[in-house]
Amino acid sequence: MVALDEVFELLEDQRRRYALYCLYEKDGPVAVSELVKKNREMGRRPVGDRWEY
């Protein structure tokens, strides 16, 4: 069994939490490419008049 501390350590990363959220929101299978795309979109942040990744 995985230690609770290890679970919380894994969930510290925002992208991992977002991937789990995307899986939770979907009914059925989700392609890895879709998770990557959604994670990339989530990671975009506006900087001035351009987007930073």
N, C-alpha and C. Protein backbone atom coordinates (compact mmCIF):
# COMPACT_ATOMS: atom_id res chain seq x y z
N MET A 1 0.84 -1.17 0.00
CA MET A 1 0.00 0.00 0.00
C MET A 1 0.89 1.25 0.00
N VAL A 2 0.43 2.30 -0.64
CA VAL A 2 1.17 3.55 -0.73
C VAL A 2 0.93 4.37 0.53
N ALA A 3 2.02 4.94 1.04
CA ALA A 3 1.92 5.77 2.25
C ALA A 3 1.18 7.06 1.91
N LEU A 4 0.42 7.55 2.86
CA LEU A 4 -0.35 8.78 2.68
C LEU A 4 0.56 9.96 2.37
N ASP A 5 1.73 10.01 3.00
CA ASP A 5 2.68 11.09 2.71
C ASP A 5 3.10 11.08 1.24
N GLU A 6 3.28 9.89 0.69
CA GLU A 6 3.68 9.77 -0.72
C GLU A 6 2.57 10.25 -1.64
N VAL A 7 1.33 9.96 -1.30
CA VAL A 7 0.19 10.42 -2.10
C VAL A 7 0.15 11.94 -2.11
N PHE A 8 0.27 12.55 -0.95
CA PHE A 8 0.24 14.02 -0.88
C PHE A 8 1.42 14.63 -1.62
N GLU A 9 2.58 13.99 -1.56
CA GLU A 9 3.75 14.49 -2.28
C GLU A 9 3.50 14.46 -3.78
N LEU A 10 2.88 13.40 -4.27
CA LEU A 10 2.57 13.30 -5.70
C LEU A 10 1.55 14.35 -6.13
N LEU A 11 0.62 14.66 -5.24
CA LEU A 11 -0.44 15.63 -5.56
C LEU A 11 0.01 17.08 -5.40
N GLU A 12 1.24 17.31 -4.94
CA GLU A 12 1.75 18.67 -4.84
C GLU A 12 1.86 19.33 -6.21
N ASP A 13 2.10 18.53 -7.24
CA ASP A 13 2.27 19.06 -8.59
C ASP A 13 0.91 19.42 -9.19
N GLN A 14 0.77 20.66 -9.60
CA GLN A 14 -0.51 21.15 -10.13
C GLN A 14 -0.94 20.40 -11.38
N ARG A 15 -0.01 20.05 -12.24
CA ARG A 15 -0.37 19.34 -13.48
C ARG A 15 -0.90 17.94 -13.19
N ARG A 16 -0.35 17.28 -12.19
CA ARG A 16 -0.87 15.96 -11.82
C ARG A 16 -2.29 16.08 -11.30
N ARG A 17 -2.54 17.09 -10.46
CA ARG A 17 -3.90 17.29 -9.95
C ARG A 17 -4.87 17.59 -11.08
N TYR A 18 -4.44 18.40 -12.04
CA TYR A 18 -5.31 18.74 -13.15
C TYR A 18 -5.61 17.52 -14.02
N ALA A 19 -4.61 16.66 -14.23
CA ALA A 19 -4.83 15.43 -15.00
C ALA A 19 -5.87 14.55 -14.30
N LEU A 20 -5.76 14.43 -12.99
CA LEU A 20 -6.75 13.64 -12.24
C LEU A 20 -8.13 14.28 -12.34
N TYR A 21 -8.19 15.59 -12.30
CA TYR A 21 -9.47 16.30 -12.43
C TYR A 21 -10.09 16.02 -13.80
N CYS A 22 -9.28 16.06 -14.85
CA CYS A 22 -9.79 15.78 -16.20
C CYS A 22 -10.34 14.37 -16.29
N LEU A 23 -9.64 13.42 -15.70
CA LEU A 23 -10.11 12.03 -15.71
C LEU A 23 -11.41 11.89 -14.92
N TYR A 24 -11.51 12.60 -13.82
CA TYR A 24 -12.71 12.56 -12.99
C TYR A 24 -13.92 13.12 -13.73
N GLU A 25 -13.71 14.17 -14.52
CA GLU A 25 -14.81 14.84 -15.23
C GLU A 25 -15.33 14.04 -16.41
N LYS A 26 -14.54 13.14 -16.97
CA LYS A 26 -14.93 12.39 -18.16
C LYS A 26 -15.65 11.11 -17.79
N ASP A 27 -16.60 10.72 -18.61
CA ASP A 27 -17.24 9.41 -18.49
C ASP A 27 -16.58 8.48 -19.49
N GLY A 28 -15.81 7.55 -19.01
CA GLY A 28 -15.15 6.61 -19.89
C GLY A 28 -13.69 6.95 -20.11
N PRO A 29 -13.08 6.24 -21.06
CA PRO A 29 -11.65 6.40 -21.30
C PRO A 29 -11.28 7.77 -21.84
N VAL A 30 -10.06 8.18 -21.54
CA VAL A 30 -9.52 9.44 -22.03
C VAL A 30 -8.16 9.14 -22.65
N ALA A 31 -7.95 9.62 -23.87
CA ALA A 31 -6.67 9.40 -24.53
C ALA A 31 -5.57 10.21 -23.84
N VAL A 32 -4.39 9.64 -23.79
CA VAL A 32 -3.26 10.34 -23.19
C VAL A 32 -3.01 11.65 -23.93
N SER A 33 -3.17 11.63 -25.25
CA SER A 33 -2.95 12.85 -26.04
C SER A 33 -3.92 13.96 -25.63
N GLU A 34 -5.15 13.59 -25.25
CA GLU A 34 -6.11 14.60 -24.79
C GLU A 34 -5.69 15.18 -23.43
N LEU A 35 -5.20 14.31 -22.54
CA LEU A 35 -4.71 14.80 -21.26
C LEU A 35 -3.53 15.74 -21.44
N VAL A 36 -2.63 15.40 -22.36
CA VAL A 36 -1.47 16.25 -22.62
C VAL A 36 -1.92 17.60 -23.16
N LYS A 37 -2.88 17.57 -24.09
CA LYS A 37 -3.37 18.81 -24.68
C LYS A 37 -4.02 19.70 -23.61
N LYS A 38 -4.88 19.12 -22.79
CA LYS A 38 -5.56 19.90 -21.75
C LYS A 38 -4.56 20.44 -20.71
N ASN A 39 -3.57 19.62 -20.39
CA ASN A 39 -2.56 20.06 -19.43
C ASN A 39 -1.74 21.21 -20.01
N ARG A 40 -1.43 21.14 -21.30
CA ARG A 40 -0.67 22.21 -21.94
C ARG A 40 -1.49 23.50 -21.95
N GLU A 41 -2.77 23.39 -22.24
CA GLU A 41 -3.65 24.57 -22.23
C GLU A 41 -3.74 25.17 -20.83
N MET A 42 -3.80 24.31 -19.82
CA MET A 42 -3.89 24.79 -18.45
C MET A 42 -2.61 25.52 -18.06
N GLY A 43 -1.49 25.10 -18.60
CA GLY A 43 -0.21 25.68 -18.23
C GLY A 43 0.11 26.99 -18.90
N ARG A 44 -0.72 27.42 -19.85
CA ARG A 44 -0.46 28.69 -20.53
C ARG A 44 -0.85 29.84 -19.63
N ARG A 45 0.02 30.81 -19.52
CA ARG A 45 -0.25 31.96 -18.66
C ARG A 45 0.01 33.24 -19.45
N PRO A 46 -0.92 34.18 -19.38
CA PRO A 46 -0.69 35.44 -20.09
C PRO A 46 0.43 36.24 -19.45
N VAL A 47 1.33 36.74 -20.29
CA VAL A 47 2.43 37.61 -19.84
C VAL A 47 2.42 38.82 -20.76
N GLY A 48 1.97 39.93 -20.22
CA GLY A 48 1.86 41.12 -21.08
C GLY A 48 0.87 40.87 -22.20
N ASP A 49 1.32 41.01 -23.43
CA ASP A 49 0.44 40.78 -24.57
C ASP A 49 0.73 39.47 -25.28
N ARG A 50 1.47 38.56 -24.62
CA ARG A 50 1.76 37.26 -25.23
C ARG A 50 1.50 36.15 -24.20
N TRP A 51 1.52 34.93 -24.66
CA TRP A 51 1.30 33.78 -23.78
C TRP A 51 2.63 33.13 -23.47
N GLU A 52 2.81 32.77 -22.22
CA GLU A 52 4.02 32.07 -21.80
C GLU A 52 3.66 30.64 -21.46
N TYR A 53 4.56 29.73 -21.79
CA TYR A 53 4.33 28.31 -21.50
C TYR A 53 5.23 27.83 -20.40
